[in-house]
Protein backbone atom coordinates (compact mmCIF):
# COMPACT_ATOMS: atom_id res chain seq x y z
CA MET A 1 24.95 4.06 -8.35
CA SER A 2 23.75 6.32 -5.63
CA ASP A 3 23.40 6.10 -2.01
CA LEU A 4 19.67 6.64 -2.29
CA ARG A 5 19.00 4.17 -5.30
CA GLU A 6 21.04 1.80 -3.43
CA LEU A 7 18.66 2.05 -0.22
CA TYR A 8 15.64 2.22 -2.15
CA GLN A 9 16.71 -1.48 -3.01
CA GLU A 10 17.78 -2.38 0.17
CA VAL A 11 14.22 -1.42 1.58
CA ILE A 12 12.29 -3.62 -1.44
CA ILE A 13 14.67 -6.74 -0.43
CA GLU A 14 13.85 -6.19 2.90
CA HIS A 15 10.13 -6.01 2.27
CA GLY A 16 10.17 -8.78 -0.50
CA ARG A 17 12.47 -11.48 1.64
CA GLN A 18 10.54 -10.77 5.22
CA PRO A 19 7.22 -8.79 4.36
CA ARG A 20 5.04 -7.38 7.08
CA HIS A 21 1.84 -8.37 7.60
CA PHE A 22 1.85 -11.39 5.73
CA GLY A 23 -0.59 -14.30 6.31
CA ALA A 24 -4.44 -14.71 6.68
CA LEU A 25 -6.86 -12.28 8.15
CA GLU A 26 -9.44 -14.48 10.22
CA SER A 27 -11.69 -10.88 11.00
CA ALA A 28 -11.42 -9.98 7.08
CA ASN A 29 -14.78 -8.75 5.99
CA ARG A 30 -13.34 -8.44 2.53
CA TYR A 31 -10.91 -10.67 0.28
CA LYS A 32 -9.96 -10.40 -2.83
CA GLU A 33 -7.59 -12.31 -5.62
CA GLY A 34 -5.24 -11.00 -7.97
CA PHE A 35 -2.92 -12.15 -10.47
CA ASN A 36 -0.08 -10.62 -12.82
CA PRO A 37 0.21 -13.72 -15.78
CA LEU A 38 3.14 -11.81 -17.00
CA CYS A 39 5.27 -12.49 -14.14
CA GLY A 40 3.39 -14.95 -11.99
CA ASP A 41 2.13 -13.22 -9.02
CA LYS A 42 -0.50 -14.05 -7.19
CA ILE A 43 -1.24 -12.27 -4.34
CA THR A 44 -4.63 -12.34 -1.75
CA ILE A 45 -5.51 -9.34 -0.07
CA HIS A 46 -7.81 -9.84 3.24
CA VAL A 47 -9.00 -6.69 4.57
CA TYR A 48 -11.23 -5.77 7.58
CA GLU A 49 -12.74 -2.55 6.83
CA GLU A 50 -15.40 -0.83 9.28
CA SER A 51 -17.44 2.59 9.00
CA GLY A 52 -14.78 3.19 6.21
CA ILE A 53 -12.11 2.65 7.75
CA ILE A 54 -9.19 0.34 7.00
CA LYS A 55 -9.04 -1.56 10.83
CA ASP A 56 -6.75 -4.35 9.71
CA MET A 57 -5.27 -5.55 6.55
CA ARG A 58 -2.93 -8.92 5.32
CA PHE A 59 -2.02 -10.48 2.23
CA GLU A 60 -1.28 -13.71 1.01
CA GLY A 61 0.68 -15.33 -1.88
CA CYS A 62 3.86 -15.70 -3.52
CA GLY A 63 5.59 -13.57 -6.97
CA CYS A 64 8.52 -11.47 -7.08
CA ALA A 65 10.33 -9.08 -4.86
CA ILE A 66 8.48 -6.18 -6.17
CA SER A 67 4.93 -7.57 -5.77
CA ILE A 68 5.63 -8.97 -2.19
CA ALA A 69 7.03 -5.40 -1.13
CA SER A 70 4.43 -3.26 -2.84
CA ALA A 71 2.08 -5.14 -1.10
CA SER A 72 4.03 -5.10 2.43
CA LEU A 73 4.42 -1.56 1.94
CA MET A 74 1.29 -0.56 0.73
CA ILE A 75 -0.49 -2.43 4.08
CA GLU A 76 1.76 -0.37 6.19
CA ALA A 77 0.50 2.87 4.74
CA LEU A 78 -2.98 1.67 4.83
CA ILE A 79 -4.06 0.46 8.04
CA GLY A 80 -5.86 2.78 10.22
CA LYS A 81 -6.72 5.18 7.08
CA SER A 82 -10.30 5.72 5.72
CA THR A 83 -11.24 4.41 2.39
CA THR A 84 -10.99 8.11 1.12
CA GLU A 85 -7.66 8.28 1.91
CA MET A 86 -6.66 5.14 0.24
CA ASP A 87 -8.42 6.21 -2.75
CA GLY A 88 -6.03 9.42 -3.27
CA LEU A 89 -3.07 7.34 -2.05
CA PHE A 90 -4.01 4.77 -4.83
CA ASP A 91 -3.98 7.46 -7.36
CA ASP A 92 -0.71 8.98 -6.03
CA PHE A 93 1.37 5.41 -6.31
CA HIS A 94 0.03 4.74 -9.68
CA ARG A 95 1.05 8.36 -10.90
CA TRP A 96 4.37 7.99 -9.21
CA VAL A 97 5.25 4.47 -11.03
CA THR A 98 3.91 4.80 -14.30
CA GLU A 99 4.72 8.97 -14.78
CA THR A 100 8.13 10.41 -15.49
CA ASP A 101 7.42 13.74 -13.89
CA SER A 102 6.84 12.49 -10.22
CA SER A 103 7.10 15.98 -7.96
CA GLU A 104 8.76 16.17 -4.38
CA ALA A 105 5.72 16.69 -2.59
CA LEU A 106 3.98 13.52 -4.52
CA GLU A 107 7.33 11.92 -3.10
CA GLU A 108 6.70 13.37 0.49
CA ARG A 109 3.53 11.80 0.72
CA LEU A 110 4.22 8.79 -0.71
CA GLY A 111 6.54 7.82 2.50
CA LYS A 112 8.28 4.87 2.21
CA LEU A 113 6.08 4.02 -0.66
CA ALA A 114 8.74 5.89 -3.25
CA VAL A 115 10.69 3.53 -3.09
CA LEU A 116 8.88 1.71 -5.90
CA GLY A 117 9.44 4.51 -8.31
CA GLY A 118 12.07 2.92 -10.35
CA VAL A 119 9.80 0.29 -11.56
CA ARG A 120 8.35 3.28 -14.05
CA GLU A 121 11.72 2.45 -16.07
CA PHE A 122 10.48 -1.03 -16.57
CA PRO A 123 6.83 -1.07 -17.91
CA ALA A 124 6.51 -4.64 -17.18
CA ARG A 125 7.38 -4.01 -13.82
CA VAL A 126 4.52 -1.43 -12.95
CA LYS A 127 2.49 -4.55 -12.87
CA CYS A 128 4.12 -6.43 -10.26
CA ALA A 129 4.13 -3.11 -8.44
CA THR A 130 0.15 -2.28 -8.60
CA LEU A 131 -1.15 -5.78 -8.44
CA ALA A 132 -1.96 -4.96 -4.45
CA TRP A 133 -3.32 -1.68 -5.06
CA HIS A 134 -5.83 -2.81 -7.50
CA THR A 135 -6.49 -6.15 -5.91
CA LEU A 136 -7.42 -4.00 -2.71
CA LYS A 137 -9.29 -1.85 -4.74
CA ALA A 138 -11.75 -4.28 -6.26
CA ALA A 139 -11.81 -5.92 -2.23
CA LEU A 140 -13.48 -2.99 -1.35
CA SER A 141 -15.50 -1.91 -4.12
CA GLY A 142 -16.89 -5.61 -3.90
CA ASP A 143 -16.19 -6.60 -7.55
CA PRO A 144 -16.50 -10.43 -8.14
CA GLU A 145 -14.19 -10.73 -10.72
CA SER A 146 -10.55 -11.38 -9.76
CA VAL A 147 -8.09 -8.70 -10.40
CA ARG A 148 -5.81 -9.64 -13.38
CA THR A 149 -2.94 -7.38 -14.82
CA GLU A 150 -2.57 -7.51 -18.07
């Protein structure tokens, strides 16, 4: 196994075991629940958004290391960003974990989020990695339905 692949696995395991921004957010003005029935992942995203800027965000839930690490890394990447920037990063991340032709420029834009690129080799795990992202997108759009990655 390459050193880079080992590093990626270490980052996922670290964020899976000790996620950043875990817990409720009292000041949240948007939240949404998401569920991945294939893996049993359950995530609730809490967002404090003001004037199109993600001021703060946290998550609660349980699931596999990939879903928890993805939520943790996503929040680290998005606090302080605009919802427009979030949309762009959502598209980049989705492309990164689903397409086999991922460019170096895309990897660079994703930063730490690129560690989740290995899920593209396991299509069922893509749903684990994208659950938090779809849940956040639904929270910000005001979608009344619960998010399910089926």
